[in-house]
Every structure is written in C-alpha cells, then in structure tokens.
Amino acid sequence: MRHKTKSGGEWRARAVQRALGRLDPFELKDRLIALAEEHAGARVLLNAGRGNPNWVATGAREALFVLGGFAIEEARRAWNPRDAAGG
C-alpha cells in the first residue's frame, strides 16, 4: 500500500501550525496581528480586540436593573392567577 507523500509546502504549513499551537493566546493574537499587518498592503487593519472590560460601568448596570424591574412589574401586572393551571 503506497502512502501519499506531502509536498515541502505542506510540511512547512504543518510546522507553522505546530509552532502557533505552542503559543499562549496573547502571543498568538500578537502574531496574527503582525501577520495581518505584513500582508495588509494598502488596506486598513481594524483591530477590534476586546480590550479591558469596564467592571464598574455603573450607568450601564443601573440601566439594566431598571429594565429588569420594569419587566417584573409588567409581568406581575399582566399575569392573572386564574389563568394558571386549572383556573
């Protein structure tokens, strides 16, 4: 039974995959950004990274809780216990 041999390009691609697989997530991100910048040419590279989350965004949190309170009030107002099971 003959096995298909891989071309030099395929072996190099596998070696690159193995090397990238050994990087931690931040090193991988940096390497991918560098590769994109190398091949961007005249195109603009948009780095849409997550950045640091703002854990103390009190305005957004307060708005979410107000919305949740409104949802509970509306559910209680519209709910009729007689419509419950067997009512």
Protein backbone atom coordinates (compact mmCIF):
# COMPACT_ATOMS: atom_id res chain seq x y z
CA MET A 1 0.00 0.00 0.00
CA ARG A 2 1.51 3.33 -1.05
CA HIS A 3 1.15 6.43 1.07
CA LYS A 4 0.89 9.81 -0.48
CA THR A 5 3.88 11.98 0.35
CA LYS A 6 3.40 15.59 1.32
CA SER A 7 4.99 18.41 -0.59
CA GLY A 8 7.51 20.73 1.05
CA GLY A 9 4.83 23.42 1.36
CA GLU A 10 2.52 21.11 3.27
CA TRP A 11 5.30 20.16 5.69
CA ARG A 12 6.14 23.83 6.27
CA ALA A 13 2.47 24.64 6.86
CA ARG A 14 2.25 21.83 9.45
CA ALA A 15 5.40 23.11 11.17
CA VAL A 16 3.90 26.62 11.36
CA GLN A 17 0.66 25.18 12.77
CA ARG A 18 2.59 23.29 15.46
CA ALA A 19 4.62 26.39 16.33
CA LEU A 20 1.49 28.54 16.59
CA GLY A 21 -0.19 25.84 18.69
CA ARG A 22 2.52 26.20 21.33
CA LEU A 23 1.87 29.94 21.83
CA ASP A 24 -0.29 31.24 24.63
CA PRO A 25 -3.46 33.10 23.49
CA PHE A 26 -1.91 36.56 23.82
CA GLU A 27 1.23 35.60 21.89
CA LEU A 28 -0.96 34.04 19.20
CA LYS A 29 -3.06 37.21 18.96
CA ASP A 30 0.07 39.34 18.61
CA ARG A 31 1.49 37.02 15.94
CA LEU A 32 -1.75 37.03 13.95
CA ILE A 33 -1.93 40.83 14.11
CA ALA A 34 1.68 41.03 12.90
CA LEU A 35 0.91 38.66 10.01
CA ALA A 36 -2.16 40.70 9.05
CA GLU A 37 -0.15 43.93 9.11
CA GLU A 38 2.57 42.34 6.92
CA HIS A 39 0.01 41.36 4.30
CA ALA A 40 -2.37 44.31 4.57
CA GLY A 41 -0.75 46.37 1.84
CA ALA A 42 -2.83 49.49 1.25
CA ARG A 43 -5.77 48.08 3.21
CA VAL A 44 -6.54 49.26 6.71
CA LEU A 45 -6.31 46.71 9.50
CA LEU A 46 -9.13 47.03 12.00
CA ASN A 47 -8.05 45.69 15.38
CA ALA A 48 -11.41 45.02 17.01
CA GLY A 49 -9.94 43.44 20.13
CA ARG A 50 -12.00 43.21 23.28
CA GLY A 51 -9.75 45.41 25.33
CA ASN A 52 -10.25 45.64 29.06
CA PRO A 53 -13.80 45.21 30.28
CA ASN A 54 -15.09 48.05 32.41
CA TRP A 55 -16.29 46.23 35.51
CA VAL A 56 -17.51 49.39 37.22
CA ALA A 57 -19.71 50.74 34.42
CA THR A 58 -22.39 51.77 36.93
CA GLY A 59 -24.55 53.60 34.41
CA ALA A 60 -24.96 50.53 32.21
CA ARG A 61 -25.55 48.28 35.21
CA GLU A 62 -28.18 50.62 36.64
CA ALA A 63 -29.98 50.80 33.30
CA LEU A 64 -30.06 47.01 33.12
CA PHE A 65 -31.53 46.74 36.63
CA VAL A 66 -34.16 49.40 35.87
CA LEU A 67 -35.13 47.49 32.74
CA GLY A 68 -35.34 44.26 34.76
CA GLY A 69 -37.52 45.96 37.40
CA PHE A 70 -39.84 47.24 34.67
CA ALA A 71 -40.08 43.74 33.17
CA ILE A 72 -41.03 42.23 36.56
CA GLU A 73 -43.67 44.93 37.20
CA GLU A 74 -45.19 44.39 33.75
CA ALA A 75 -45.21 40.62 34.18
CA ARG A 76 -46.97 40.93 37.56
CA ARG A 77 -49.46 43.45 36.17
CA ALA A 78 -50.34 41.27 33.18
CA TRP A 79 -50.35 37.93 34.98
CA ASN A 80 -53.71 36.64 36.16
CA PRO A 81 -53.61 33.85 38.78
CA ARG A 82 -56.90 32.49 37.43
CA ASP A 83 -55.11 31.74 34.13
CA ALA A 84 -52.75 29.41 35.97
CA ALA A 85 -53.11 25.63 35.76
CA GLY A 86 -56.70 24.51 36.07
CA GLY A 87 -58.04 28.02 36.75
